[in-house]
Amino acid sequence: MFTDTFFTAAAIAASLLVSLSTGIVYSFALLVMRGNGRLPDGQFISSFQEIDGIIQRNDGLFILTWMGSVLTLILALISGWQILEGPPRLMLAVAAGIYLLAFQLPTFLINIPLNTYIQSVDVKQAGAGELWAARERFEKPWNRANTFRSVSGVVTMLLLFGVLAGT
């Protein structure tokens, strides 16, 4: 049903889009949240609201990259399952499992609900105590989940590169 060419194209596209998505998450861990972490509570919340607002407004390039990573990885898994054997097949299956369960699932179960919560904070109306409490509820859990996603994404990338190198 699937050809080697189809699998290779899907695996290359998945590797690229998974790498870009991981880079987004890693950039948040390495730069954005560390920089925002130095801001007072109200500015921290406002800054995150603005950055997240771009995503919430369904930015086309972000959606293409993020959802494309899932679609192309699933296509690579389905086509690779029919073509690959041995370690490359196992590495592809593990990469897909890690990416879907340890990268994407925490995004939808942890990060997005926290993003929605922090978007609901009215920085202009909230007092200092409310801003502090909102930040406390948001920042540490979001950063923990994001660090987990970053590591999961890097592991997925390495596995996909290994699959491509072995085929």
Foldseek 3Di string as FASTA:
>chain_A
DDDPVQLLVLLVQLLVLLVVVLVVLVCCLPPVLVVLVPDQLLSSLVVLLVVVVCVVVPPPVVCCSPVVNLVSLVSNLVRCCVPDDDPLNVLSVVLNCLCVPQAVVCCVVPVVVLSVQSNPDDSVPDDSVVSVVNCVVRNPSNSVSSVSNSVSSVSSSVSSVVSSVVD
